[in-house]
Amino acid sequence: MAELNVHELHDRLRDLDAEFEREMRARGFDPAQAENVALPSRLAKLYAERERTKAELEELEGGSNDRGRKNPESTQTRV
């Protein structure tokens, strides 16, 4: 059952990545700069959802590699 969840999360993350990149470009942002710019609320929500999904995947896959990742809630920017 956990394996199915991992596949679903990978699919969800892929969809979120594509949507986030599309939305960033549509607003004139370079997606590579997501951590260095103040994001409009819609983009901040997508970014936070991507980070939560990545964290869930790491947890399900048994990864404890923190890599200095910030709390996704703290990356949201007020507009």
N, C-alpha and C. Protein backbone atom coordinates (compact mmCIF):
# COMPACT_ATOMS: atom_id res chain seq x y z
N MET A 1 0.83 -1.20 0.00
CA MET A 1 0.00 0.00 0.00
C MET A 1 0.86 1.25 0.00
N ALA A 2 1.94 1.28 0.80
CA ALA A 2 2.83 2.44 0.82
C ALA A 2 3.46 2.67 -0.54
N GLU A 3 3.75 1.59 -1.26
CA GLU A 3 4.35 1.73 -2.59
C GLU A 3 3.43 2.50 -3.53
N LEU A 4 2.14 2.23 -3.45
CA LEU A 4 1.17 2.94 -4.26
C LEU A 4 1.18 4.42 -3.89
N ASN A 5 1.24 4.73 -2.61
CA ASN A 5 1.28 6.12 -2.17
C ASN A 5 2.52 6.83 -2.70
N VAL A 6 3.64 6.13 -2.73
CA VAL A 6 4.87 6.72 -3.25
C VAL A 6 4.70 7.06 -4.72
N HIS A 7 4.12 6.15 -5.49
CA HIS A 7 3.90 6.41 -6.92
C HIS A 7 2.93 7.58 -7.11
N GLU A 8 1.89 7.60 -6.30
CA GLU A 8 0.93 8.70 -6.39
C GLU A 8 1.59 10.04 -6.05
N LEU A 9 2.43 10.03 -5.02
CA LEU A 9 3.13 11.26 -4.64
C LEU A 9 4.11 11.70 -5.72
N HIS A 10 4.80 10.76 -6.35
CA HIS A 10 5.70 11.11 -7.45
C HIS A 10 4.91 11.75 -8.59
N ASP A 11 3.76 11.18 -8.91
CA ASP A 11 2.91 11.75 -9.95
C ASP A 11 2.44 13.15 -9.56
N ARG A 12 2.01 13.29 -8.31
CA ARG A 12 1.53 14.59 -7.82
C ARG A 12 2.66 15.61 -7.86
N LEU A 13 3.84 15.21 -7.44
CA LEU A 13 4.98 16.13 -7.44
C LEU A 13 5.32 16.56 -8.87
N ARG A 14 5.30 15.62 -9.80
CA ARG A 14 5.57 15.95 -11.19
C ARG A 14 4.56 16.98 -11.71
N ASP A 15 3.28 16.78 -11.37
CA ASP A 15 2.23 17.71 -11.78
C ASP A 15 2.43 19.08 -11.14
N LEU A 16 2.77 19.08 -9.84
CA LEU A 16 3.00 20.34 -9.15
C LEU A 16 4.21 21.08 -9.73
N ASP A 17 5.27 20.35 -10.02
CA ASP A 17 6.46 20.97 -10.61
C ASP A 17 6.11 21.63 -11.94
N ALA A 18 5.35 20.93 -12.78
CA ALA A 18 4.98 21.47 -14.09
C ALA A 18 4.08 22.70 -13.93
N GLU A 19 3.11 22.62 -13.03
CA GLU A 19 2.20 23.75 -12.82
C GLU A 19 2.95 24.95 -12.25
N PHE A 20 3.84 24.69 -11.29
CA PHE A 20 4.61 25.77 -10.69
C PHE A 20 5.48 26.46 -11.74
N GLU A 21 6.18 25.68 -12.55
CA GLU A 21 7.03 26.25 -13.59
C GLU A 21 6.21 27.07 -14.58
N ARG A 22 5.08 26.53 -14.99
CA ARG A 22 4.20 27.24 -15.93
C ARG A 22 3.73 28.57 -15.34
N GLU A 23 3.28 28.53 -14.08
CA GLU A 23 2.79 29.73 -13.41
C GLU A 23 3.90 30.76 -13.21
N MET A 24 5.07 30.29 -12.85
CA MET A 24 6.22 31.20 -12.67
C MET A 24 6.53 31.92 -13.98
N ARG A 25 6.65 31.17 -15.05
CA ARG A 25 6.98 31.75 -16.36
C ARG A 25 5.88 32.69 -16.84
N ALA A 26 4.62 32.33 -16.58
CA ALA A 26 3.50 33.18 -17.01
C ALA A 26 3.54 34.54 -16.32
N ARG A 27 4.14 34.58 -15.13
CA ARG A 27 4.23 35.83 -14.38
C ARG A 27 5.60 36.51 -14.54
N GLY A 28 6.40 35.98 -15.45
CA GLY A 28 7.68 36.61 -15.74
C GLY A 28 8.81 36.25 -14.81
N PHE A 29 8.65 35.20 -14.02
CA PHE A 29 9.70 34.75 -13.10
C PHE A 29 10.49 33.60 -13.71
N ASP A 30 11.73 33.49 -13.30
CA ASP A 30 12.55 32.33 -13.64
C ASP A 30 12.34 31.31 -12.52
N PRO A 31 11.84 30.11 -12.83
CA PRO A 31 11.58 29.11 -11.79
C PRO A 31 12.80 28.78 -10.93
N ALA A 32 13.98 28.95 -11.45
CA ALA A 32 15.19 28.66 -10.68
C ALA A 32 15.39 29.66 -9.54
N GLN A 33 14.69 30.77 -9.58
CA GLN A 33 14.84 31.80 -8.55
C GLN A 33 13.75 31.74 -7.49
N ALA A 34 13.00 30.67 -7.45
CA ALA A 34 11.84 30.56 -6.55
C ALA A 34 12.20 30.82 -5.09
N GLU A 35 13.37 30.40 -4.66
CA GLU A 35 13.75 30.58 -3.26
C GLU A 35 14.32 31.96 -2.97
N ASN A 36 14.54 32.75 -4.01
CA ASN A 36 15.20 34.05 -3.83
C ASN A 36 14.31 35.25 -4.11
N VAL A 37 13.05 35.02 -4.44
CA VAL A 37 12.16 36.13 -4.74
C VAL A 37 10.90 36.03 -3.89
N ALA A 38 10.26 37.16 -3.68
CA ALA A 38 8.97 37.18 -2.99
C ALA A 38 7.91 36.74 -4.00
N LEU A 39 7.23 35.66 -3.70
CA LEU A 39 6.25 35.10 -4.62
C LEU A 39 4.85 35.61 -4.33
N PRO A 40 4.07 35.87 -5.38
CA PRO A 40 2.65 36.17 -5.17
C PRO A 40 1.99 34.99 -4.47
N SER A 41 0.87 35.23 -3.82
CA SER A 41 0.26 34.20 -2.97
C SER A 41 -0.01 32.89 -3.70
N ARG A 42 -0.50 32.92 -4.91
CA ARG A 42 -0.78 31.68 -5.66
C ARG A 42 0.50 30.87 -5.84
N LEU A 43 1.58 31.53 -6.21
CA LEU A 43 2.86 30.83 -6.40
C LEU A 43 3.42 30.35 -5.07
N ALA A 44 3.25 31.13 -4.03
CA ALA A 44 3.73 30.72 -2.71
C ALA A 44 3.01 29.47 -2.23
N LYS A 45 1.71 29.39 -2.51
CA LYS A 45 0.94 28.20 -2.13
C LYS A 45 1.41 26.97 -2.91
N LEU A 46 1.63 27.14 -4.21
CA LEU A 46 2.13 26.02 -5.03
C LEU A 46 3.50 25.58 -4.53
N TYR A 47 4.36 26.54 -4.23
CA TYR A 47 5.71 26.24 -3.76
C TYR A 47 5.64 25.45 -2.45
N ALA A 48 4.80 25.90 -1.53
CA ALA A 48 4.67 25.22 -0.24
C ALA A 48 4.11 23.81 -0.42
N GLU A 49 3.15 23.66 -1.32
CA GLU A 49 2.59 22.33 -1.57
C GLU A 49 3.63 21.40 -2.17
N ARG A 50 4.48 21.92 -3.05
CA ARG A 50 5.58 21.11 -3.62
C ARG A 50 6.52 20.66 -2.52
N GLU A 51 6.88 21.58 -1.64
CA GLU A 51 7.81 21.24 -0.55
C GLU A 51 7.20 20.21 0.41
N ARG A 52 5.92 20.34 0.71
CA ARG A 52 5.26 19.35 1.57
C ARG A 52 5.24 17.98 0.90
N THR A 53 4.96 17.97 -0.39
CA THR A 53 4.92 16.71 -1.13
C THR A 53 6.30 16.06 -1.17
N LYS A 54 7.34 16.87 -1.37
CA LYS A 54 8.71 16.35 -1.36
C LYS A 54 9.03 15.74 0.01
N ALA A 55 8.63 16.43 1.07
CA ALA A 55 8.89 15.93 2.42
C ALA A 55 8.15 14.62 2.68
N GLU A 56 6.90 14.53 2.22
CA GLU A 56 6.14 13.28 2.37
C GLU A 56 6.83 12.13 1.64
N LEU A 57 7.29 12.41 0.43
CA LEU A 57 7.99 11.39 -0.35
C LEU A 57 9.23 10.91 0.37
N GLU A 58 10.02 11.85 0.88
CA GLU A 58 11.24 11.47 1.60
C GLU A 58 10.91 10.60 2.80
N GLU A 59 9.83 10.95 3.50
CA GLU A 59 9.44 10.19 4.68
C GLU A 59 9.00 8.78 4.29
N LEU A 60 8.19 8.66 3.25
CA LEU A 60 7.72 7.35 2.80
C LEU A 60 8.84 6.49 2.24
N GLU A 61 9.80 7.13 1.61
CA GLU A 61 10.91 6.38 1.02
C GLU A 61 12.01 6.09 2.04
N GLY A 62 11.80 6.54 3.27
CA GLY A 62 12.76 6.27 4.32
C GLY A 62 13.96 7.19 4.31
N GLY A 63 13.89 8.24 3.55
CA GLY A 63 15.00 9.18 3.47
C GLY A 63 14.98 10.13 4.64
N SER A 64 16.11 10.28 5.27
CA SER A 64 16.20 11.25 6.35
C SER A 64 17.17 12.36 5.97
N ASN A 65 17.41 12.50 4.69
CA ASN A 65 18.33 13.50 4.19
C ASN A 65 17.65 14.86 4.23
N ASP A 66 18.04 15.70 5.18
CA ASP A 66 17.42 17.00 5.38
C ASP A 66 17.87 18.01 4.33
N ARG A 67 19.12 17.98 3.93
CA ARG A 67 19.70 18.88 2.95
C ARG A 67 19.41 20.34 3.24
N GLY A 68 19.27 20.69 4.50
CA GLY A 68 19.06 22.08 4.86
C GLY A 68 17.74 22.66 4.38
N ARG A 69 16.80 21.82 4.12
CA ARG A 69 15.51 22.27 3.60
C ARG A 69 14.75 23.04 4.67
N LYS A 70 14.13 24.11 4.27
CA LYS A 70 13.36 24.94 5.17
C LYS A 70 11.98 24.35 5.35
N ASN A 71 11.32 24.77 6.42
CA ASN A 71 9.94 24.41 6.65
C ASN A 71 9.11 25.06 5.55
N PRO A 72 8.31 24.28 4.79
CA PRO A 72 7.54 24.85 3.69
C PRO A 72 6.61 25.97 4.12
N GLU A 73 6.10 25.91 5.33
CA GLU A 73 5.21 26.96 5.81
C GLU A 73 5.95 28.28 5.93
N SER A 74 7.24 28.24 6.23
CA SER A 74 7.99 29.48 6.42
C SER A 74 8.39 30.11 5.11
N THR A 75 8.20 29.41 3.98
CA THR A 75 8.58 29.97 2.69
C THR A 75 7.46 30.76 2.05
N GLN A 76 6.28 30.72 2.65
CA GLN A 76 5.18 31.48 2.07
C GLN A 76 5.40 32.95 2.30
N THR A 77 5.05 33.72 1.30
CA THR A 77 5.25 35.16 1.34
C THR A 77 3.89 35.85 1.39
N ARG A 78 3.78 36.80 2.26
CA ARG A 78 2.53 37.56 2.32
C ARG A 78 2.52 38.59 1.22
N VAL A 79 1.33 38.78 0.68
CA VAL A 79 1.18 39.75 -0.41
C VAL A 79 0.30 40.87 0.03
